[in-house]
């Protein structure tokens, strides 16, 4: 396993915490709180209020998985799937849909900074399957 530099590691965790603040603090919390016109706003997305609470729980669960180092990779995959659903929802109602895509990219950048092996796998260089006789470049 490749060890990240201290700066990369810290940058990865800063991005991870910022994502968590946004996903759990801003996005998921709105699915649990009552506020004026909530039913109308959430109804616009096509989901009833009780379903939005379940979606909020999923959002929190996959974000927590992303934060735990041992489950971060599967958490990133599940966050990507979750954000894909958010993108599809926004496209369906003709809302701007770029934000979930940007967040999905940031998820993988944050994980790659925390665990450089993710970048090595993504860009096609894997020490595990490389020729064992070859020298590292």
Protein backbone atom coordinates (compact mmCIF):
# COMPACT_ATOMS: atom_id res chain seq x y z
CA UNK A 1 0.00 0.00 0.00
CA UNK A 2 1.35 3.39 -1.00
CA UNK A 3 1.55 5.91 1.84
CA UNK A 4 0.32 9.43 1.07
CA UNK A 5 2.44 12.47 1.78
CA UNK A 6 1.43 14.36 4.90
CA UNK A 7 0.04 17.26 2.82
CA UNK A 8 -2.02 14.91 0.61
CA UNK A 9 -3.32 13.04 3.62
CA UNK A 10 -4.40 16.25 5.35
CA UNK A 11 -5.95 17.67 2.16
CA UNK A 12 -7.88 14.42 1.66
CA UNK A 13 -9.27 14.56 5.18
CA UNK A 14 -10.16 18.25 4.88
CA UNK A 15 -12.12 17.50 1.69
CA UNK A 16 -13.73 14.48 3.37
CA UNK A 17 -14.84 16.55 6.36
CA UNK A 18 -16.19 19.32 4.09
CA UNK A 19 -18.18 16.71 2.14
CA UNK A 20 -19.52 15.31 5.41
CA UNK A 21 -20.56 18.75 6.63
CA UNK A 22 -22.41 19.34 3.38
CA UNK A 23 -23.98 15.88 3.06
CA UNK A 24 -24.93 15.33 6.70
CA UNK A 25 -25.14 18.88 7.99
CA UNK A 26 -26.95 20.58 5.15
CA UNK A 27 -28.44 18.03 2.79
CA UNK A 28 -29.53 15.15 5.05
CA UNK A 29 -30.64 17.36 7.93
CA UNK A 30 -33.17 19.09 5.66
CA UNK A 31 -34.79 15.73 5.04
CA UNK A 32 -35.53 15.35 8.77
CA UNK A 33 -36.56 18.91 9.71
CA UNK A 34 -39.95 20.47 9.27
CA UNK A 35 -40.07 23.86 7.60
CA UNK A 36 -42.68 25.88 5.72
CA UNK A 37 -43.49 24.47 2.26
CA UNK A 38 -41.41 21.31 2.90
CA UNK A 39 -44.05 19.00 1.42
CA UNK A 40 -44.28 21.18 -1.69
CA UNK A 41 -40.51 21.43 -2.13
CA UNK A 42 -39.90 17.71 -1.57
CA UNK A 43 -42.95 16.83 -3.65
CA UNK A 44 -41.30 18.64 -6.56
CA UNK A 45 -38.62 15.93 -6.48
CA UNK A 46 -41.34 13.28 -6.68
CA UNK A 47 -40.76 11.71 -3.27
CA UNK A 48 -43.21 11.76 -0.36
CA UNK A 49 -42.04 13.14 2.99
CA UNK A 50 -41.68 9.71 4.66
CA UNK A 51 -39.43 8.50 1.82
CA UNK A 52 -37.23 11.57 2.15
CA UNK A 53 -36.43 10.55 5.74
CA UNK A 54 -35.20 7.15 4.50
CA UNK A 55 -33.17 8.85 1.79
CA UNK A 56 -31.63 11.06 4.49
CA UNK A 57 -30.72 7.98 6.56
CA UNK A 58 -29.05 6.38 3.55
CA UNK A 59 -27.16 9.60 2.89
CA UNK A 60 -25.84 9.67 6.46
CA UNK A 61 -25.00 5.94 6.48
CA UNK A 62 -22.94 5.98 3.27
CA UNK A 63 -21.18 9.18 4.37
CA UNK A 64 -20.17 7.52 7.64
CA UNK A 65 -18.87 4.51 5.69
CA UNK A 66 -16.81 6.94 3.60
CA UNK A 67 -15.25 8.45 6.73
CA UNK A 68 -14.15 5.14 8.27
CA UNK A 69 -10.74 4.28 6.79
CA UNK A 70 -11.47 0.53 6.57
CA UNK A 71 -14.75 1.09 4.70
CA UNK A 72 -13.84 4.27 2.80
CA UNK A 73 -13.60 2.58 -0.60
CA UNK A 74 -17.04 0.94 -0.42
CA UNK A 75 -18.36 4.19 1.09
CA UNK A 76 -17.06 6.11 -1.93
CA UNK A 77 -18.74 3.63 -4.28
CA UNK A 78 -22.03 3.94 -2.40
CA UNK A 79 -21.78 7.75 -2.26
CA UNK A 80 -21.22 7.76 -6.01
CA UNK A 81 -24.36 5.66 -6.47
CA UNK A 82 -26.31 7.92 -4.11
CA UNK A 83 -25.15 11.04 -5.95
CA UNK A 84 -26.04 9.38 -9.26
CA UNK A 85 -29.61 9.07 -7.99
CA UNK A 86 -29.54 12.73 -6.96
CA UNK A 87 -28.32 13.66 -10.43
CA UNK A 88 -31.10 11.62 -12.07
CA UNK A 89 -33.69 13.29 -9.82
CA UNK A 90 -32.49 16.76 -10.79
CA UNK A 91 -32.36 15.88 -14.49
CA UNK A 92 -35.90 14.46 -14.33
CA UNK A 93 -37.35 17.69 -12.92
CA UNK A 94 -35.16 19.86 -15.17
CA UNK A 95 -33.18 21.36 -12.27
CA UNK A 96 -29.46 22.17 -12.54
CA UNK A 97 -27.75 18.82 -12.00
CA UNK A 98 -24.05 19.68 -11.89
CA UNK A 99 -23.68 19.82 -8.08
CA UNK A 100 -24.08 16.07 -7.36
CA UNK A 101 -21.62 15.34 -10.19
CA UNK A 102 -19.05 17.75 -8.76
CA UNK A 103 -19.51 16.24 -5.31
CA UNK A 104 -19.00 12.75 -6.72
CA UNK A 105 -15.71 13.82 -8.27
CA UNK A 106 -14.65 15.44 -4.98
CA UNK A 107 -15.46 12.18 -3.14
CA UNK A 108 -12.94 10.29 -5.28
CA UNK A 109 -10.33 13.06 -5.14
CA UNK A 110 -10.62 13.12 -1.33
CA UNK A 111 -10.29 9.34 -1.14
CA UNK A 112 -7.36 9.34 -3.57
CA UNK A 113 -5.56 11.92 -1.47
CA UNK A 114 -6.15 9.83 1.65
CA UNK A 115 -5.28 6.54 -0.09
CA UNK A 116 -3.02 7.02 -3.14
CA UNK A 117 -3.65 3.44 -4.27
CA UNK A 118 -7.07 4.65 -5.46
CA UNK A 119 -5.38 6.95 -7.99
CA UNK A 120 -3.04 4.16 -9.07
CA UNK A 121 -6.00 1.85 -9.70
CA UNK A 122 -7.99 4.56 -11.48
CA UNK A 123 -5.19 5.45 -13.86
CA UNK A 124 -4.23 1.89 -14.73
CA UNK A 125 -1.12 1.22 -12.70
CA UNK A 126 -1.55 -1.51 -10.11
CA UNK A 127 1.54 -2.89 -8.40
CA UNK A 128 -0.36 -6.07 -7.58
CA UNK A 129 -0.87 -7.02 -11.21
CA UNK A 130 2.24 -5.38 -12.66
CA UNK A 131 5.09 -7.56 -13.85
CA UNK A 132 6.96 -8.58 -10.67
CA UNK A 133 10.24 -8.49 -12.63
CA UNK A 134 9.70 -4.92 -13.80
CA UNK A 135 11.34 -2.05 -11.95
CA UNK A 136 9.20 0.79 -10.61
CA UNK A 137 9.36 3.93 -12.70
